[in-house]
Amino acid sequence: MGKNFINSFFSPTKQIFQYSRRKFNNNNILFNQRKEFFNSSLRKNINLNNMVAKIVVRPSEERGYANHGWLDTHHTFSFADYYDPNYKSFGALRVINEDIVQPDNGFGTHPHRGYEIFSYIISGELQHKDSMGNAEILKRGDVQFTTAGTGISHSEYNINKIHPVHFLQIWVSPDDKNLTPAYNTKTYPDSLKTNNLTHLISPASEQDPKTIGIHTDFHMFASILQPENKVAHTVQGSLGDGDKTRRLYVHLTSTGGQLKINDGTILKPGDGAFITEVVSGEEVIFESVGEGVAEFVLFDLA
């Protein structure tokens, strides 16, 4: 009787436990199916409309600005006399200056150390000279890259007597601030960038001969989009990173056009956008929606 009593007492409990276990197993199977679907979709580069991403526009008119007569300059981040505690850097990305230098003017010889500094020429000609003995004239399509490392000095001058030079100067903080100074220039003609997203800079560890190597987890791309054309960017990194998020920053040059990010955000000339909470393998679509050509650069970083 005692045994029957015990069995009769535990039988309903056992049934409840078995039911709960079946339900748990079914939920676990469903979870794994959803996880596999997510991973499969991620490998297929799903876009941001299906993901949770945060996009914050940096309007052109809210950037730091100075007109020195010979130099018209806009600062995305705090620089020189412009300081905004909300815009000091974005990960390793420290400086994006959009500069227009008047004819027969420029930046005299000045020092740098620690940063990796590069110029993206939009129009005109820029003469570069440095303490490593490098001297050249940069033109549209050129990307001039300097590893300042333990210390260099250089000058950048518009030797043209008629036309201004328009370029972006970008500073990135490498993992090692005491690198041996180095210099590199590559040319990426319009034909490579027109209605295409061209890879310009990638981590030096990847040893990609088509790009300039930088000493941190950082990528730079550029595109020249004609109206009604679009390009897709696959967020860099490794799928093995799991849910480790990355950061994107897109900057539309002030030359014209309008750029739509695939959640509907529209950038006007000179605008930028911070895109956060994205992971490796996601796809971001950029579309030219204005009447003019939209030239933009894109940074993808840890």
Protein backbone atom coordinates (compact mmCIF):
# COMPACT_ATOMS: atom_id res chain seq x y z
CA MET A 1 0.00 0.00 0.00
CA GLY A 2 2.85 2.36 0.84
CA LYS A 3 4.41 1.75 -2.58
CA ASN A 4 1.10 2.30 -4.38
CA PHE A 5 0.54 5.46 -2.36
CA ILE A 6 3.95 6.80 -3.33
CA ASN A 7 3.38 5.93 -7.01
CA SER A 8 -0.05 7.53 -6.97
CA PHE A 9 1.44 10.64 -5.36
CA PHE A 10 4.36 11.02 -7.78
CA SER A 11 2.58 9.91 -10.95
CA PRO A 12 0.94 13.29 -11.69
CA THR A 13 4.19 15.05 -10.80
CA LYS A 14 6.07 12.74 -13.14
CA GLN A 15 3.59 13.43 -15.92
CA ILE A 16 3.93 17.16 -15.38
CA PHE A 17 7.72 16.83 -15.45
CA GLN A 18 7.61 14.77 -18.66
CA TYR A 19 5.27 17.31 -20.24
CA SER A 20 7.54 20.17 -19.15
CA ARG A 21 10.58 18.35 -20.50
CA ARG A 22 8.85 17.74 -23.85
CA LYS A 23 7.84 21.39 -23.95
CA PHE A 24 11.39 22.46 -23.07
CA ASN A 25 12.82 20.18 -25.75
CA ASN A 26 10.35 21.52 -28.30
CA ASN A 27 11.21 25.09 -27.34
CA ASN A 28 14.89 24.23 -27.50
CA ILE A 29 14.43 22.76 -30.99
CA LEU A 30 12.51 25.88 -32.02
CA PHE A 31 15.26 28.08 -30.56
CA ASN A 32 17.93 26.14 -32.45
CA GLN A 33 15.89 26.37 -35.65
CA ARG A 34 15.55 30.11 -35.23
CA LYS A 35 19.26 30.38 -34.41
CA GLU A 36 20.16 28.39 -37.52
CA PHE A 37 17.81 30.54 -39.60
CA PHE A 38 19.42 33.69 -38.20
CA ASN A 39 22.94 32.43 -38.87
CA SER A 40 21.93 31.29 -42.35
CA SER A 41 20.37 34.66 -43.06
CA LEU A 42 23.44 36.40 -41.69
CA ARG A 43 25.66 34.40 -44.03
CA LYS A 44 23.39 35.53 -46.86
CA ASN A 45 24.00 39.15 -45.82
CA ILE A 46 20.59 40.26 -44.60
CA ASN A 47 20.11 44.01 -44.58
CA LEU A 48 19.57 46.46 -41.77
CA ASN A 49 15.81 46.53 -42.29
CA ASN A 50 15.72 43.10 -40.64
CA MET A 51 18.19 43.95 -37.90
CA VAL A 52 18.44 46.37 -35.02
CA ALA A 53 20.89 49.10 -35.96
CA LYS A 54 21.26 52.64 -34.74
CA ILE A 55 21.87 55.40 -37.30
CA VAL A 56 22.65 58.94 -36.18
CA VAL A 57 23.16 61.67 -38.77
CA ARG A 58 25.98 64.20 -38.39
CA PRO A 59 24.57 67.18 -40.35
CA SER A 60 27.09 69.14 -42.39
CA GLU A 61 26.06 72.46 -40.86
CA GLU A 62 26.71 71.16 -37.35
CA ARG A 63 30.34 70.24 -38.02
CA GLY A 64 33.11 72.43 -36.72
CA TYR A 65 33.93 75.16 -39.24
CA ALA A 66 36.67 77.69 -39.84
CA ASN A 67 37.53 79.98 -42.74
CA HIS A 68 41.10 81.23 -42.61
CA GLY A 69 40.98 82.90 -46.00
CA TRP A 70 43.43 80.49 -47.59
CA LEU A 71 41.70 77.48 -45.94
CA ASP A 72 38.02 76.59 -45.71
CA THR A 73 37.68 73.62 -43.37
CA HIS A 74 34.95 71.49 -41.77
CA HIS A 75 35.65 69.17 -38.83
CA THR A 76 33.55 66.08 -38.11
CA PHE A 77 35.37 65.66 -34.78
CA SER A 78 36.95 68.08 -32.32
CA PHE A 79 40.01 69.65 -33.94
CA ALA A 80 42.15 72.77 -33.43
CA ASP A 81 39.92 75.53 -32.02
CA TYR A 82 36.75 73.47 -32.43
CA TYR A 83 35.81 71.33 -29.45
CA ASP A 84 32.64 69.35 -28.81
CA PRO A 85 32.76 66.71 -26.05
CA ASN A 86 30.15 64.69 -27.96
CA TYR A 87 32.37 64.44 -31.03
CA LYS A 88 35.92 63.64 -29.98
CA SER A 89 36.39 60.36 -31.86
CA PHE A 90 34.59 57.26 -33.06
CA GLY A 91 36.55 54.21 -32.02
CA ALA A 92 39.98 54.51 -33.65
CA LEU A 93 38.68 57.20 -36.04
CA ARG A 94 39.93 60.51 -34.68
CA VAL A 95 39.77 63.11 -37.48
CA ILE A 96 37.74 63.70 -40.65
CA ASN A 97 38.49 67.16 -41.99
CA GLU A 98 37.05 68.32 -45.30
CA ASP A 99 39.46 70.98 -46.53
CA ILE A 100 39.50 73.40 -49.45
CA VAL A 101 42.88 75.13 -49.86
CA GLN A 102 43.12 78.18 -52.09
CA PRO A 103 45.68 78.45 -54.94
CA ASP A 104 49.32 78.95 -53.98
CA ASN A 105 48.64 78.25 -50.30
CA GLY A 106 48.88 75.36 -47.90
CA PHE A 107 50.01 73.82 -44.64
CA GLY A 108 53.64 74.60 -43.84
CA THR A 109 55.98 72.01 -42.37
CA HIS A 110 54.57 70.64 -39.10
CA PRO A 111 55.12 67.52 -36.97
CA HIS A 112 53.01 64.43 -36.32
CA ARG A 113 53.49 61.32 -34.22
CA GLY A 114 51.44 58.29 -33.23
CA TYR A 115 48.61 58.57 -35.73
CA GLU A 116 48.19 57.14 -39.21
CA ILE A 117 47.14 60.02 -41.45
CA PHE A 118 45.78 59.89 -44.97
CA SER A 119 44.37 62.24 -47.59
CA TYR A 120 41.61 61.48 -50.10
CA ILE A 121 41.85 63.92 -53.02
CA ILE A 122 38.48 65.07 -54.37
CA SER A 123 39.68 67.73 -56.82
CA GLY A 124 42.75 69.82 -57.57
CA GLU A 125 46.39 69.10 -56.78
CA LEU A 126 48.17 68.78 -53.44
CA GLN A 127 51.95 68.80 -53.12
CA HIS A 128 53.26 66.59 -50.31
CA LYS A 129 56.78 66.75 -48.83
CA ASP A 130 58.00 65.03 -45.67
CA SER A 131 61.03 64.38 -43.47
CA MET A 132 61.38 60.86 -44.91
CA GLY A 133 62.33 62.35 -48.27
CA ASN A 134 59.01 61.78 -50.01
CA ALA A 135 57.80 64.45 -52.43
CA GLU A 136 54.94 64.15 -54.90
CA ILE A 137 51.92 65.93 -56.29
CA LEU A 138 48.65 64.23 -55.46
CA LYS A 139 45.63 64.42 -57.77
CA ARG A 140 42.03 63.24 -57.86
CA GLY A 141 41.82 59.54 -57.12
CA ASP A 142 45.00 59.46 -55.06
CA VAL A 143 45.05 58.27 -51.46
CA GLN A 144 48.21 59.40 -49.68
CA PHE A 145 48.94 57.52 -46.46
CA THR A 146 51.48 58.28 -43.73
CA THR A 147 52.32 56.25 -40.66
CA ALA A 148 53.60 58.98 -38.33
CA GLY A 149 54.73 56.46 -35.71
CA THR A 150 57.69 57.68 -33.69
CA GLY A 151 57.54 61.04 -35.46
CA ILE A 152 57.63 62.77 -38.85
CA SER A 153 57.14 66.25 -40.23
CA HIS A 154 55.47 67.14 -43.51
CA SER A 155 53.93 69.94 -45.55
CA GLU A 156 50.91 69.97 -47.85
CA TYR A 157 50.65 72.76 -50.37
CA ASN A 158 48.45 73.74 -53.29
CA ILE A 159 51.02 74.78 -55.89
CA ASN A 160 48.35 75.47 -58.52
CA LYS A 161 48.05 79.19 -59.27
CA ILE A 162 44.40 79.04 -60.37
CA HIS A 163 42.39 76.19 -58.85
CA PRO A 164 41.78 75.26 -55.20
CA VAL A 165 42.37 71.73 -53.92
CA HIS A 166 39.56 69.89 -52.17
CA PHE A 167 40.38 66.85 -50.05
CA LEU A 168 39.55 64.85 -46.95
CA GLN A 169 42.20 64.40 -44.29
CA ILE A 170 41.63 61.47 -41.94
CA TRP A 171 43.48 60.45 -38.79
CA VAL A 172 43.26 56.98 -37.25
CA SER A 173 44.80 55.82 -33.97
CA PRO A 174 46.72 52.56 -34.58
CA ASP A 175 47.13 49.79 -32.03
CA ASP A 176 50.82 50.69 -31.69
CA LYS A 177 51.74 54.38 -31.47
CA ASN A 178 55.49 53.73 -31.84
CA LEU A 179 55.57 52.30 -35.35
CA THR A 180 58.40 53.00 -37.76
CA PRO A 181 57.35 55.97 -39.93
CA ALA A 182 56.25 54.97 -43.43
CA TYR A 183 54.66 56.47 -46.54
CA ASN A 184 52.44 55.02 -49.24
CA THR A 185 50.28 56.29 -52.09
CA LYS A 186 47.79 54.40 -54.23
CA THR A 187 45.58 55.66 -57.03
CA TYR A 188 41.94 54.63 -57.33
CA PRO A 189 40.54 56.18 -60.53
CA ASP A 190 36.90 57.14 -60.95
CA SER A 191 36.37 54.13 -63.20
CA LEU A 192 36.96 51.82 -60.21
CA LYS A 193 34.59 53.71 -57.93
CA THR A 194 31.74 54.63 -60.27
CA ASN A 195 28.64 52.69 -59.18
CA ASN A 196 30.95 50.43 -57.21
CA LEU A 197 32.19 50.32 -53.62
CA THR A 198 35.99 50.18 -53.77
CA HIS A 199 38.14 48.95 -50.90
CA LEU A 200 40.95 51.46 -50.24
CA ILE A 201 42.38 50.65 -46.79
CA SER A 202 42.41 47.42 -44.78
CA PRO A 203 44.31 45.98 -41.80
CA ALA A 204 48.00 45.50 -42.62
CA SER A 205 47.74 41.97 -41.22
CA GLU A 206 45.53 41.00 -44.18
CA GLN A 207 48.33 41.88 -46.65
CA ASP A 208 45.91 42.78 -49.43
CA PRO A 209 47.98 44.17 -52.35
CA LYS A 210 44.98 46.13 -53.66
CA THR A 211 44.61 48.19 -50.49
CA ILE A 212 46.79 50.31 -48.23
CA GLY A 213 47.59 48.57 -44.95
CA ILE A 214 46.72 50.18 -41.61
CA HIS A 215 47.76 48.95 -38.17
CA THR A 216 44.36 48.42 -36.56
CA ASP A 217 40.99 46.81 -37.32
CA PHE A 218 39.85 49.46 -39.78
CA HIS A 219 38.60 49.53 -43.37
CA MET A 220 37.93 52.39 -45.76
CA PHE A 221 35.84 52.26 -48.93
CA ALA A 222 34.84 54.86 -51.52
CA SER A 223 32.12 55.11 -54.14
CA ILE A 224 30.89 57.50 -56.82
CA LEU A 225 27.20 56.78 -57.31
CA GLN A 226 25.29 58.11 -60.26
CA PRO A 227 21.60 58.90 -59.66
CA GLU A 228 19.35 55.87 -59.03
CA ASN A 229 22.31 53.55 -58.54
CA LYS A 230 23.07 51.66 -55.34
CA VAL A 231 25.87 49.63 -53.78
CA ALA A 232 25.90 47.07 -50.97
CA HIS A 233 28.46 46.93 -48.18
CA THR A 234 29.00 43.74 -46.20
CA VAL A 235 30.09 44.59 -42.67
CA GLN A 236 33.66 43.44 -42.14
CA GLY A 237 35.05 41.15 -39.46
CA SER A 238 34.58 37.43 -38.98
CA LEU A 239 31.36 35.46 -38.50
CA GLY A 240 33.25 33.79 -35.67
CA ASP A 241 33.01 37.06 -33.75
CA GLY A 242 29.47 36.06 -32.79
CA ASP A 243 27.45 39.02 -31.57
CA LYS A 244 30.45 41.36 -31.33
CA THR A 245 29.27 44.63 -32.85
CA ARG A 246 31.13 46.89 -35.26
CA ARG A 247 30.86 50.54 -36.22
CA LEU A 248 30.38 52.25 -39.56
CA TYR A 249 30.74 55.90 -40.47
CA VAL A 250 29.71 57.20 -43.88
CA HIS A 251 30.60 60.68 -45.16
CA LEU A 252 29.05 62.23 -48.27
CA THR A 253 31.41 64.79 -49.76
CA SER A 254 30.10 68.33 -50.14
CA THR A 255 30.33 68.10 -53.95
CA GLY A 256 26.63 67.23 -54.36
CA GLY A 257 24.11 64.44 -54.58
CA GLN A 258 22.03 62.76 -51.91
CA LEU A 259 22.62 59.37 -50.34
CA LYS A 260 20.01 57.06 -48.83
CA ILE A 261 20.95 54.43 -46.25
CA ASN A 262 18.68 51.43 -46.49
CA ASP A 263 16.55 52.32 -43.47
CA GLY A 264 15.45 55.47 -45.29
CA THR A 265 17.94 57.93 -43.77
CA ILE A 266 18.90 60.58 -46.34
CA LEU A 267 22.26 62.35 -46.32
CA LYS A 268 22.78 65.73 -47.96
CA PRO A 269 26.14 67.04 -49.24
CA GLY A 270 28.63 67.22 -46.37
CA ASP A 271 26.52 65.07 -44.05
CA GLY A 272 27.80 61.98 -42.29
CA ALA A 273 26.17 59.17 -40.33
CA PHE A 274 27.20 56.98 -37.42
CA ILE A 275 25.92 53.42 -37.85
CA THR A 276 26.27 51.27 -34.74
CA GLU A 277 25.02 47.95 -33.36
CA VAL A 278 25.82 46.05 -36.56
CA VAL A 279 27.67 42.74 -36.78
CA SER A 280 29.91 41.05 -39.30
CA GLY A 281 28.09 39.78 -42.37
CA GLU A 282 25.24 42.27 -42.33
CA GLU A 283 24.52 44.11 -45.55
CA VAL A 284 24.05 47.88 -45.75
CA ILE A 285 22.67 49.45 -48.92
CA PHE A 286 23.63 52.94 -50.07
CA GLU A 287 21.62 54.53 -52.87
CA SER A 288 22.06 57.77 -54.81
CA VAL A 289 18.66 59.48 -54.64
CA GLY A 290 19.47 63.06 -55.64
CA GLU A 291 19.84 64.64 -59.06
CA GLY A 292 23.63 64.80 -58.85
CA VAL A 293 26.42 62.29 -58.41
CA ALA A 294 26.97 61.17 -54.79
CA GLU A 295 30.62 60.60 -53.86
CA PHE A 296 31.11 59.12 -50.41
CA VAL A 297 33.61 57.36 -48.21
CA LEU A 298 32.76 54.61 -45.74
CA PHE A 299 34.69 53.54 -42.65
CA ASP A 300 34.16 50.11 -41.07
CA LEU A 301 35.90 49.58 -37.73
CA ALA A 302 35.86 47.56 -34.53
